[in-house]
Amino acid sequence: MTNYLVVTAMGADRPGIVSNLARLASDCDCDIVDSRMALFGNEFTLIMMVSGSWAAITKIETSLPALSMELELLTVMKRTSKHHMPQNYISRIEVTFHGQDQRGTMTQITQFLAARSLDLAAVRSHAEEDDQGHSIQTVVLAINIPEKVVLETLEHSIHQLAQDMSLDCSIKRMQGIAAP
């Protein structure tokens, strides 16, 4: 039986961190089945899911703390199971909001989704300064659409939300609902 472990690691960015973590997974007879990396300020962050036998997962759980100390990383681990997508999702859309950075954008967007019981599959958010020194934000969401939702009505509501927040919005219909 395959077992799964989610590992989150954070620390000062420097070369070799990913290599060391990948080598640990390999040395413990685990496979990296999914991973995401990002830099926030000067901090490197990684989330990865590894799979392996019960013994392999136990081995990485006991080996990671020593490597974390050596690499000066803050790590958290949690056993999990393989994610199974509910069958009632008929499609996925990718929604991009873009415009002047404003406090509360993520709160308004996520409240909008929660009020409609929509499944948020992935989120990317980034803010940077434009040539005039204004902070511009981009928020990209992958949303799983349940069969009970009328897609055209939802798209209209999303565009209205963007207009109310003075943001540009684009919606792209995705093929299937595979993981992002």
N, C-alpha and C. Protein backbone atom coordinates (compact mmCIF):
# COMPACT_ATOMS: atom_id res chain seq x y z
N MET A 1 0.84 -1.18 0.00
CA MET A 1 0.00 0.00 0.00
C MET A 1 0.89 1.24 0.00
N THR A 2 0.53 2.21 -0.84
CA THR A 2 1.29 3.45 -0.93
C THR A 2 0.84 4.41 0.17
N ASN A 3 1.83 5.01 0.83
CA ASN A 3 1.59 6.01 1.86
C ASN A 3 2.07 7.36 1.35
N TYR A 4 1.51 8.43 1.92
CA TYR A 4 1.84 9.78 1.46
C TYR A 4 2.19 10.67 2.63
N LEU A 5 3.10 11.61 2.38
CA LEU A 5 3.54 12.57 3.38
C LEU A 5 3.67 13.92 2.71
N VAL A 6 3.08 14.95 3.32
CA VAL A 6 3.25 16.32 2.84
C VAL A 6 4.33 16.97 3.70
N VAL A 7 5.29 17.60 3.05
CA VAL A 7 6.41 18.28 3.71
C VAL A 7 6.39 19.74 3.31
N THR A 8 6.42 20.62 4.29
CA THR A 8 6.56 22.04 4.05
C THR A 8 7.90 22.48 4.63
N ALA A 9 8.67 23.23 3.84
CA ALA A 9 9.98 23.70 4.30
C ALA A 9 10.12 25.19 3.97
N MET A 10 10.73 25.92 4.90
CA MET A 10 10.95 27.35 4.69
C MET A 10 12.28 27.74 5.33
N GLY A 11 13.01 28.60 4.64
CA GLY A 11 14.27 29.09 5.17
C GLY A 11 14.90 30.09 4.22
N ALA A 12 16.04 30.62 4.62
CA ALA A 12 16.74 31.60 3.79
C ALA A 12 17.08 30.96 2.44
N ASP A 13 16.85 31.71 1.37
CA ASP A 13 17.10 31.19 0.03
C ASP A 13 18.60 31.07 -0.22
N ARG A 14 19.00 29.90 -0.71
CA ARG A 14 20.38 29.68 -1.12
C ARG A 14 20.43 28.43 -1.99
N PRO A 15 21.45 28.31 -2.84
CA PRO A 15 21.54 27.17 -3.75
C PRO A 15 21.64 25.84 -3.00
N GLY A 16 21.04 24.80 -3.59
CA GLY A 16 21.20 23.45 -3.08
C GLY A 16 20.09 22.93 -2.18
N ILE A 17 19.17 23.77 -1.77
CA ILE A 17 18.12 23.30 -0.86
C ILE A 17 17.27 22.23 -1.54
N VAL A 18 16.79 22.50 -2.74
CA VAL A 18 15.94 21.54 -3.44
C VAL A 18 16.69 20.25 -3.70
N SER A 19 17.93 20.37 -4.10
CA SER A 19 18.75 19.19 -4.36
C SER A 19 18.87 18.31 -3.12
N ASN A 20 19.13 18.93 -1.98
CA ASN A 20 19.26 18.17 -0.73
C ASN A 20 17.95 17.48 -0.34
N LEU A 21 16.83 18.18 -0.49
CA LEU A 21 15.54 17.58 -0.14
C LEU A 21 15.17 16.46 -1.12
N ALA A 22 15.45 16.65 -2.40
CA ALA A 22 15.18 15.61 -3.40
C ALA A 22 16.05 14.38 -3.14
N ARG A 23 17.31 14.61 -2.77
CA ARG A 23 18.20 13.49 -2.48
C ARG A 23 17.70 12.71 -1.25
N LEU A 24 17.23 13.43 -0.23
CA LEU A 24 16.69 12.77 0.96
C LEU A 24 15.51 11.88 0.57
N ALA A 25 14.61 12.41 -0.24
CA ALA A 25 13.45 11.60 -0.66
C ALA A 25 13.93 10.35 -1.38
N SER A 26 14.87 10.50 -2.28
CA SER A 26 15.40 9.35 -3.02
C SER A 26 16.10 8.36 -2.10
N ASP A 27 16.94 8.87 -1.19
CA ASP A 27 17.66 8.00 -0.25
C ASP A 27 16.70 7.22 0.66
N CYS A 28 15.53 7.77 0.89
CA CYS A 28 14.52 7.11 1.75
C CYS A 28 13.57 6.24 0.93
N ASP A 29 13.85 6.07 -0.36
CA ASP A 29 13.00 5.28 -1.27
C ASP A 29 11.60 5.86 -1.42
N CYS A 30 11.53 7.19 -1.42
CA CYS A 30 10.26 7.89 -1.64
C CYS A 30 10.28 8.56 -3.01
N ASP A 31 9.11 8.75 -3.56
CA ASP A 31 8.95 9.49 -4.81
C ASP A 31 8.30 10.83 -4.51
N ILE A 32 8.77 11.88 -5.16
CA ILE A 32 8.12 13.19 -5.06
C ILE A 32 7.00 13.19 -6.10
N VAL A 33 5.75 13.21 -5.63
CA VAL A 33 4.62 13.13 -6.55
C VAL A 33 4.04 14.50 -6.88
N ASP A 34 4.34 15.50 -6.08
CA ASP A 34 3.87 16.85 -6.35
C ASP A 34 4.73 17.81 -5.55
N SER A 35 4.99 18.99 -6.10
CA SER A 35 5.76 19.98 -5.34
C SER A 35 5.49 21.37 -5.89
N ARG A 36 5.64 22.34 -5.02
CA ARG A 36 5.51 23.75 -5.36
C ARG A 36 6.61 24.49 -4.61
N MET A 37 7.27 25.41 -5.30
CA MET A 37 8.32 26.21 -4.68
C MET A 37 8.06 27.67 -4.99
N ALA A 38 8.46 28.54 -4.07
CA ALA A 38 8.31 29.98 -4.29
C ALA A 38 9.28 30.72 -3.38
N LEU A 39 9.57 31.96 -3.78
CA LEU A 39 10.34 32.86 -2.93
C LEU A 39 9.41 33.95 -2.44
N PHE A 40 9.43 34.18 -1.13
CA PHE A 40 8.69 35.26 -0.51
C PHE A 40 9.73 36.11 0.20
N GLY A 41 10.00 37.30 -0.37
CA GLY A 41 11.11 38.09 0.15
C GLY A 41 12.39 37.31 -0.07
N ASN A 42 13.17 37.12 0.98
CA ASN A 42 14.40 36.33 0.90
C ASN A 42 14.20 34.89 1.37
N GLU A 43 12.94 34.52 1.62
CA GLU A 43 12.64 33.19 2.14
C GLU A 43 12.25 32.24 1.03
N PHE A 44 12.90 31.09 1.00
CA PHE A 44 12.58 29.99 0.12
C PHE A 44 11.46 29.19 0.78
N THR A 45 10.46 28.80 0.01
CA THR A 45 9.40 27.94 0.55
C THR A 45 9.17 26.78 -0.41
N LEU A 46 8.87 25.64 0.16
CA LEU A 46 8.62 24.44 -0.63
C LEU A 46 7.51 23.65 0.06
N ILE A 47 6.60 23.17 -0.75
CA ILE A 47 5.62 22.19 -0.29
C ILE A 47 5.75 21.02 -1.25
N MET A 48 5.91 19.84 -0.72
CA MET A 48 5.98 18.67 -1.59
C MET A 48 5.26 17.51 -0.96
N MET A 49 4.71 16.66 -1.81
CA MET A 49 4.09 15.43 -1.34
C MET A 49 4.95 14.28 -1.84
N VAL A 50 5.33 13.42 -0.93
CA VAL A 50 6.12 12.24 -1.29
C VAL A 50 5.28 11.00 -1.04
N SER A 51 5.60 9.95 -1.78
CA SER A 51 4.91 8.69 -1.60
C SER A 51 5.94 7.58 -1.42
N GLY A 52 5.49 6.52 -0.79
CA GLY A 52 6.37 5.38 -0.58
C GLY A 52 5.70 4.37 0.34
N SER A 53 6.43 3.32 0.63
CA SER A 53 5.92 2.31 1.56
C SER A 53 5.85 2.92 2.96
N TRP A 54 5.18 2.22 3.85
CA TRP A 54 5.10 2.70 5.23
C TRP A 54 6.51 2.92 5.79
N ALA A 55 7.40 1.96 5.54
CA ALA A 55 8.78 2.06 6.05
C ALA A 55 9.52 3.25 5.43
N ALA A 56 9.31 3.50 4.15
CA ALA A 56 9.98 4.61 3.47
C ALA A 56 9.50 5.96 4.03
N ILE A 57 8.20 6.09 4.25
CA ILE A 57 7.66 7.33 4.80
C ILE A 57 8.17 7.53 6.23
N THR A 58 8.21 6.47 7.01
CA THR A 58 8.74 6.56 8.37
C THR A 58 10.21 6.99 8.34
N LYS A 59 10.97 6.46 7.38
CA LYS A 59 12.38 6.81 7.26
C LYS A 59 12.57 8.30 6.95
N ILE A 60 11.78 8.85 6.04
CA ILE A 60 11.93 10.27 5.73
C ILE A 60 11.46 11.13 6.91
N GLU A 61 10.42 10.66 7.63
CA GLU A 61 9.95 11.40 8.81
C GLU A 61 11.04 11.48 9.88
N THR A 62 11.82 10.44 10.02
CA THR A 62 12.87 10.44 11.05
C THR A 62 14.16 11.11 10.56
N SER A 63 14.38 11.16 9.24
CA SER A 63 15.61 11.74 8.69
C SER A 63 15.50 13.24 8.43
N LEU A 64 14.32 13.73 8.13
CA LEU A 64 14.15 15.13 7.76
C LEU A 64 14.56 16.12 8.86
N PRO A 65 14.26 15.86 10.14
CA PRO A 65 14.65 16.85 11.16
C PRO A 65 16.15 17.16 11.18
N ALA A 66 16.99 16.16 11.00
CA ALA A 66 18.44 16.40 11.01
C ALA A 66 18.86 17.24 9.79
N LEU A 67 18.30 16.93 8.62
CA LEU A 67 18.62 17.70 7.43
C LEU A 67 18.09 19.13 7.57
N SER A 68 16.94 19.28 8.17
CA SER A 68 16.36 20.61 8.39
C SER A 68 17.28 21.46 9.26
N MET A 69 17.82 20.86 10.30
CA MET A 69 18.76 21.59 11.17
C MET A 69 20.01 21.98 10.38
N GLU A 70 20.54 21.06 9.60
CA GLU A 70 21.74 21.32 8.81
C GLU A 70 21.52 22.46 7.81
N LEU A 71 20.34 22.49 7.18
CA LEU A 71 20.03 23.50 6.16
C LEU A 71 19.37 24.75 6.74
N GLU A 72 19.18 24.75 8.06
CA GLU A 72 18.52 25.86 8.76
C GLU A 72 17.14 26.14 8.18
N LEU A 73 16.36 25.05 8.05
CA LEU A 73 15.00 25.14 7.53
C LEU A 73 13.99 24.87 8.63
N LEU A 74 12.87 25.55 8.54
CA LEU A 74 11.72 25.24 9.37
C LEU A 74 10.88 24.27 8.56
N THR A 75 10.60 23.08 9.10
CA THR A 75 9.84 22.08 8.36
C THR A 75 8.66 21.57 9.18
N VAL A 76 7.62 21.21 8.45
CA VAL A 76 6.43 20.59 9.03
C VAL A 76 6.08 19.41 8.14
N MET A 77 5.70 18.30 8.75
CA MET A 77 5.32 17.11 8.00
C MET A 77 3.96 16.63 8.47
N LYS A 78 3.20 16.06 7.54
CA LYS A 78 1.91 15.48 7.90
C LYS A 78 1.59 14.35 6.93
N ARG A 79 1.25 13.20 7.49
CA ARG A 79 0.82 12.10 6.64
C ARG A 79 -0.55 12.43 6.06
N THR A 80 -0.78 11.92 4.85
CA THR A 80 -2.03 12.19 4.17
C THR A 80 -2.39 11.00 3.30
N SER A 81 -3.40 11.15 2.50
CA SER A 81 -3.77 10.12 1.54
C SER A 81 -3.88 10.77 0.18
N LYS A 82 -3.97 9.96 -0.84
CA LYS A 82 -4.09 10.49 -2.20
C LYS A 82 -5.41 11.23 -2.32
N HIS A 83 -5.37 12.39 -2.98
CA HIS A 83 -6.57 13.21 -3.16
C HIS A 83 -7.46 12.61 -4.23
N HIS A 84 -8.72 12.49 -3.92
CA HIS A 84 -9.69 11.99 -4.89
C HIS A 84 -10.68 13.11 -5.19
N MET A 85 -10.75 13.48 -6.44
CA MET A 85 -11.63 14.56 -6.87
C MET A 85 -13.07 14.06 -6.83
N PRO A 86 -13.95 14.81 -6.16
CA PRO A 86 -15.37 14.43 -6.17
C PRO A 86 -15.88 14.37 -7.61
N GLN A 87 -16.79 13.45 -7.86
CA GLN A 87 -17.28 13.22 -9.21
C GLN A 87 -18.24 14.30 -9.72
N ASN A 88 -18.73 15.18 -8.84
CA ASN A 88 -19.73 16.13 -9.29
C ASN A 88 -19.15 17.40 -9.91
N TYR A 89 -17.84 17.45 -10.18
CA TYR A 89 -17.25 18.60 -10.86
C TYR A 89 -17.28 18.34 -12.35
N ILE A 90 -17.88 19.29 -13.10
CA ILE A 90 -18.02 19.08 -14.54
C ILE A 90 -16.97 19.82 -15.35
N SER A 91 -16.37 20.85 -14.74
CA SER A 91 -15.35 21.60 -15.46
C SER A 91 -14.50 22.41 -14.49
N ARG A 92 -13.54 23.10 -15.04
CA ARG A 92 -12.66 23.98 -14.26
C ARG A 92 -12.46 25.26 -15.06
N ILE A 93 -12.43 26.36 -14.36
CA ILE A 93 -12.11 27.63 -15.00
C ILE A 93 -10.88 28.23 -14.33
N GLU A 94 -10.14 29.01 -15.11
CA GLU A 94 -9.02 29.77 -14.57
C GLU A 94 -9.42 31.24 -14.66
N VAL A 95 -9.46 31.90 -13.52
CA VAL A 95 -9.87 33.30 -13.46
C VAL A 95 -8.66 34.14 -13.07
N THR A 96 -8.42 35.20 -13.84
CA THR A 96 -7.32 36.12 -13.55
C THR A 96 -7.90 37.50 -13.27
N PHE A 97 -7.59 38.02 -12.09
CA PHE A 97 -7.93 39.39 -11.72
C PHE A 97 -6.64 40.20 -11.78
N HIS A 98 -6.73 41.42 -12.33
CA HIS A 98 -5.53 42.23 -12.48
C HIS A 98 -5.90 43.70 -12.30
N GLY A 99 -5.11 44.42 -11.53
CA GLY A 99 -5.37 45.83 -11.36
C GLY A 99 -4.60 46.41 -10.19
N GLN A 100 -4.97 47.62 -9.81
CA GLN A 100 -4.27 48.29 -8.72
C GLN A 100 -4.44 47.49 -7.43
N ASP A 101 -3.33 47.29 -6.73
CA ASP A 101 -3.33 46.55 -5.47
C ASP A 101 -4.19 47.28 -4.45
N GLN A 102 -5.06 46.53 -3.78
CA GLN A 102 -5.91 47.11 -2.76
C GLN A 102 -6.14 46.10 -1.64
N ARG A 103 -6.16 46.59 -0.43
CA ARG A 103 -6.35 45.74 0.72
C ARG A 103 -7.73 45.08 0.65
N GLY A 104 -7.78 43.78 0.95
CA GLY A 104 -9.05 43.07 1.01
C GLY A 104 -9.46 42.34 -0.25
N THR A 105 -8.65 42.43 -1.29
CA THR A 105 -9.00 41.75 -2.55
C THR A 105 -9.20 40.26 -2.35
N MET A 106 -8.23 39.58 -1.73
CA MET A 106 -8.35 38.13 -1.54
C MET A 106 -9.55 37.79 -0.65
N THR A 107 -9.82 38.62 0.34
CA THR A 107 -10.96 38.38 1.22
C THR A 107 -12.26 38.42 0.41
N GLN A 108 -12.42 39.45 -0.42
CA GLN A 108 -13.64 39.57 -1.21
C GLN A 108 -13.79 38.41 -2.19
N ILE A 109 -12.71 38.05 -2.85
CA ILE A 109 -12.77 36.97 -3.84
C ILE A 109 -13.09 35.64 -3.17
N THR A 110 -12.40 35.33 -2.08
CA THR A 110 -12.63 34.03 -1.43
C THR A 110 -14.01 33.97 -0.77
N GLN A 111 -14.52 35.10 -0.27
CA GLN A 111 -15.89 35.12 0.26
C GLN A 111 -16.90 34.88 -0.85
N PHE A 112 -16.66 35.46 -2.01
CA PHE A 112 -17.52 35.25 -3.18
C PHE A 112 -17.58 33.76 -3.52
N LEU A 113 -16.42 33.10 -3.55
CA LEU A 113 -16.36 31.67 -3.89
C LEU A 113 -17.03 30.82 -2.81
N ALA A 114 -16.74 31.13 -1.54
CA ALA A 114 -17.32 30.35 -0.44
C ALA A 114 -18.84 30.48 -0.41
N ALA A 115 -19.35 31.66 -0.69
CA ALA A 115 -20.81 31.88 -0.68
C ALA A 115 -21.50 31.03 -1.75
N ARG A 116 -20.76 30.63 -2.77
CA ARG A 116 -21.32 29.82 -3.86
C ARG A 116 -20.87 28.36 -3.77
N SER A 117 -20.21 28.00 -2.67
CA SER A 117 -19.72 26.64 -2.43
C SER A 117 -18.85 26.13 -3.58
N LEU A 118 -18.01 27.01 -4.11
CA LEU A 118 -17.11 26.62 -5.20
C LEU A 118 -15.80 26.09 -4.64
N ASP A 119 -15.22 25.12 -5.32
CA ASP A 119 -13.98 24.49 -4.88
C ASP A 119 -12.79 25.21 -5.50
N LEU A 120 -11.99 25.82 -4.66
CA LEU A 120 -10.79 26.52 -5.09
C LEU A 120 -9.66 25.50 -5.20
N ALA A 121 -9.21 25.23 -6.42
CA ALA A 121 -8.19 24.21 -6.65
C ALA A 121 -6.77 24.75 -6.54
N ALA A 122 -6.57 26.02 -6.89
CA ALA A 122 -5.23 26.62 -6.82
C ALA A 122 -5.35 28.13 -6.82
N VAL A 123 -4.37 28.78 -6.18
CA VAL A 123 -4.33 30.25 -6.13
C VAL A 123 -2.88 30.70 -6.31
N ARG A 124 -2.70 31.72 -7.14
CA ARG A 124 -1.42 32.41 -7.26
C ARG A 124 -1.72 33.88 -7.15
N SER A 125 -0.97 34.59 -6.34
CA SER A 125 -1.18 36.02 -6.16
C SER A 125 0.18 36.70 -6.14
N HIS A 126 0.25 37.85 -6.82
CA HIS A 126 1.52 38.56 -6.88
C HIS A 126 1.25 40.04 -7.02
N ALA A 127 2.04 40.86 -6.37
CA ALA A 127 1.95 42.31 -6.52
C ALA A 127 3.33 42.85 -6.83
N GLU A 128 3.38 43.84 -7.73
CA GLU A 128 4.64 44.49 -8.08
C GLU A 128 4.35 45.92 -8.50
N GLU A 129 5.39 46.75 -8.50
CA GLU A 129 5.22 48.15 -8.88
C GLU A 129 5.33 48.31 -10.39
N ASP A 130 4.46 49.18 -10.94
CA ASP A 130 4.55 49.50 -12.36
C ASP A 130 5.53 50.66 -12.55
N ASP A 131 5.64 51.16 -13.78
CA ASP A 131 6.59 52.23 -14.10
C ASP A 131 6.29 53.54 -13.36
N GLN A 132 5.04 53.74 -12.97
CA GLN A 132 4.66 54.97 -12.26
C GLN A 132 4.74 54.81 -10.73
N GLY A 133 5.18 53.65 -10.26
CA GLY A 133 5.31 53.42 -8.82
C GLY A 133 4.04 52.94 -8.14
N HIS A 134 3.02 52.58 -8.94
CA HIS A 134 1.78 52.04 -8.37
C HIS A 134 1.93 50.53 -8.17
N SER A 135 1.37 50.03 -7.10
CA SER A 135 1.41 48.60 -6.84
C SER A 135 0.27 47.93 -7.62
N ILE A 136 0.64 46.99 -8.49
CA ILE A 136 -0.31 46.28 -9.34
C ILE A 136 -0.35 44.82 -8.89
N GLN A 137 -1.57 44.30 -8.74
CA GLN A 137 -1.72 42.92 -8.28
C GLN A 137 -2.30 42.05 -9.39
N THR A 138 -1.91 40.79 -9.35
CA THR A 138 -2.48 39.78 -10.23
C THR A 138 -2.84 38.59 -9.35
N VAL A 139 -4.07 38.15 -9.46
CA VAL A 139 -4.56 36.99 -8.72
C VAL A 139 -5.09 35.99 -9.74
N VAL A 140 -4.56 34.77 -9.72
CA VAL A 140 -5.00 33.73 -10.64
C VAL A 140 -5.57 32.58 -9.82
N LEU A 141 -6.80 32.19 -10.15
CA LEU A 141 -7.50 31.14 -9.42
C LEU A 141 -7.89 30.01 -10.37
N ALA A 142 -7.74 28.79 -9.93
CA ALA A 142 -8.31 27.64 -10.63
C ALA A 142 -9.50 27.20 -9.78
N ILE A 143 -10.68 27.15 -10.40
CA ILE A 143 -11.91 26.87 -9.67
C ILE A 143 -12.59 25.67 -10.31
N ASN A 144 -12.88 24.64 -9.49
CA ASN A 144 -13.64 23.49 -9.97
C ASN A 144 -15.12 23.83 -9.93
N ILE A 145 -15.81 23.52 -11.00
CA ILE A 145 -17.22 23.89 -11.15
C ILE A 145 -18.10 22.66 -10.96
N PRO A 146 -18.96 22.69 -9.91
CA PRO A 146 -19.87 21.57 -9.71
C PRO A 146 -20.97 21.54 -10.78
N GLU A 147 -21.57 20.37 -10.98
CA GLU A 147 -22.57 20.21 -12.02
C GLU A 147 -23.81 21.07 -11.79
N LYS A 148 -24.10 21.47 -10.57
CA LYS A 148 -25.30 22.26 -10.29
C LYS A 148 -25.15 23.74 -10.67
N VAL A 149 -23.92 24.18 -11.01
CA VAL A 149 -23.66 25.59 -11.31
C VAL A 149 -23.81 25.84 -12.81
N VAL A 150 -24.54 26.89 -13.16
CA VAL A 150 -24.66 27.31 -14.56
C VAL A 150 -23.43 28.17 -14.86
N LEU A 151 -22.56 27.67 -15.70
CA LEU A 151 -21.26 28.29 -15.95
C LEU A 151 -21.39 29.73 -16.48
N GLU A 152 -22.29 29.97 -17.39
CA GLU A 152 -22.44 31.32 -17.95
C GLU A 152 -22.86 32.31 -16.86
N THR A 153 -23.75 31.90 -15.97
CA THR A 153 -24.21 32.76 -14.88
C THR A 153 -23.05 33.05 -13.93
N LEU A 154 -22.27 32.03 -13.62
CA LEU A 154 -21.11 32.21 -12.75
C LEU A 154 -20.11 33.17 -13.38
N GLU A 155 -19.82 32.99 -14.65
CA GLU A 155 -18.87 33.88 -15.33
C GLU A 155 -19.35 35.32 -15.28
N HIS A 156 -20.63 35.53 -15.51
CA HIS A 156 -21.18 36.89 -15.43
C HIS A 156 -20.99 37.46 -14.02
N SER A 157 -21.26 36.65 -12.99
CA SER A 157 -21.10 37.10 -11.61
C SER A 157 -19.65 37.43 -11.28
N ILE A 158 -18.72 36.65 -11.80
CA ILE A 158 -17.29 36.91 -11.58
C ILE A 158 -16.89 38.23 -12.23
N HIS A 159 -17.35 38.46 -13.45
CA HIS A 159 -17.05 39.73 -14.13
C HIS A 159 -17.64 40.91 -13.35
N GLN A 160 -18.83 40.72 -12.78
CA GLN A 160 -19.45 41.78 -11.99
C GLN A 160 -18.64 42.05 -10.72
N LEU A 161 -18.16 40.99 -10.08
CA LEU A 161 -17.30 41.14 -8.90
C LEU A 161 -16.06 41.95 -9.26
N ALA A 162 -15.42 41.60 -10.37
CA ALA A 162 -14.22 42.32 -10.80
C ALA A 162 -14.54 43.80 -11.05
N GLN A 163 -15.64 44.06 -11.71
CA GLN A 163 -16.04 45.44 -11.99
C GLN A 163 -16.27 46.19 -10.68
N ASP A 164 -16.95 45.56 -9.71
CA ASP A 164 -17.20 46.19 -8.42
C ASP A 164 -15.90 46.52 -7.68
N MET A 165 -14.86 45.71 -7.92
CA MET A 165 -13.58 45.91 -7.25
C MET A 165 -12.60 46.73 -8.10
N SER A 166 -13.07 47.23 -9.25
CA SER A 166 -12.24 48.01 -10.19
C SER A 166 -11.02 47.23 -10.66
N LEU A 167 -11.23 45.95 -10.99
CA LEU A 167 -10.17 45.09 -11.49
C LEU A 167 -10.53 44.58 -12.88
N ASP A 168 -9.51 44.33 -13.70
CA ASP A 168 -9.72 43.64 -14.97
C ASP A 168 -9.87 42.16 -14.65
N CYS A 169 -10.59 41.45 -15.50
CA CYS A 169 -10.83 40.03 -15.23
C CYS A 169 -10.87 39.27 -16.55
N SER A 170 -10.24 38.11 -16.57
CA SER A 170 -10.37 37.21 -17.71
C SER A 170 -10.68 35.81 -17.17
N ILE A 171 -11.46 35.08 -17.92
CA ILE A 171 -11.85 33.73 -17.53
C ILE A 171 -11.52 32.79 -18.68
N LYS A 172 -10.85 31.73 -18.35
CA LYS A 172 -10.46 30.73 -19.35
C LYS A 172 -11.05 29.39 -18.93
N ARG A 173 -11.81 28.79 -19.81
CA ARG A 173 -12.36 27.45 -19.54
C ARG A 173 -11.28 26.43 -19.80
N MET A 174 -11.09 25.54 -18.83
CA MET A 174 -10.03 24.54 -18.90
C MET A 174 -10.62 23.22 -19.41
N GLN A 175 -9.80 22.44 -20.06
CA GLN A 175 -10.21 21.10 -20.49
C GLN A 175 -10.05 20.15 -19.32
N GLY A 176 -11.10 19.43 -18.97
CA GLY A 176 -11.02 18.48 -17.87
C GLY A 176 -10.80 19.17 -16.56
N ILE A 177 -10.53 18.40 -15.52
CA ILE A 177 -10.29 18.97 -14.20
C ILE A 177 -9.07 18.35 -13.55
N ALA A 178 -8.05 18.06 -14.35
CA ALA A 178 -6.82 17.51 -13.80
C ALA A 178 -6.18 18.53 -12.87
N ALA A 179 -5.34 18.06 -11.97
CA ALA A 179 -4.67 18.94 -11.00
C ALA A 179 -3.84 19.97 -11.74
N PRO A 180 -3.80 21.24 -11.21
CA PRO A 180 -3.04 22.31 -11.85
C PRO A 180 -1.55 22.08 -11.73
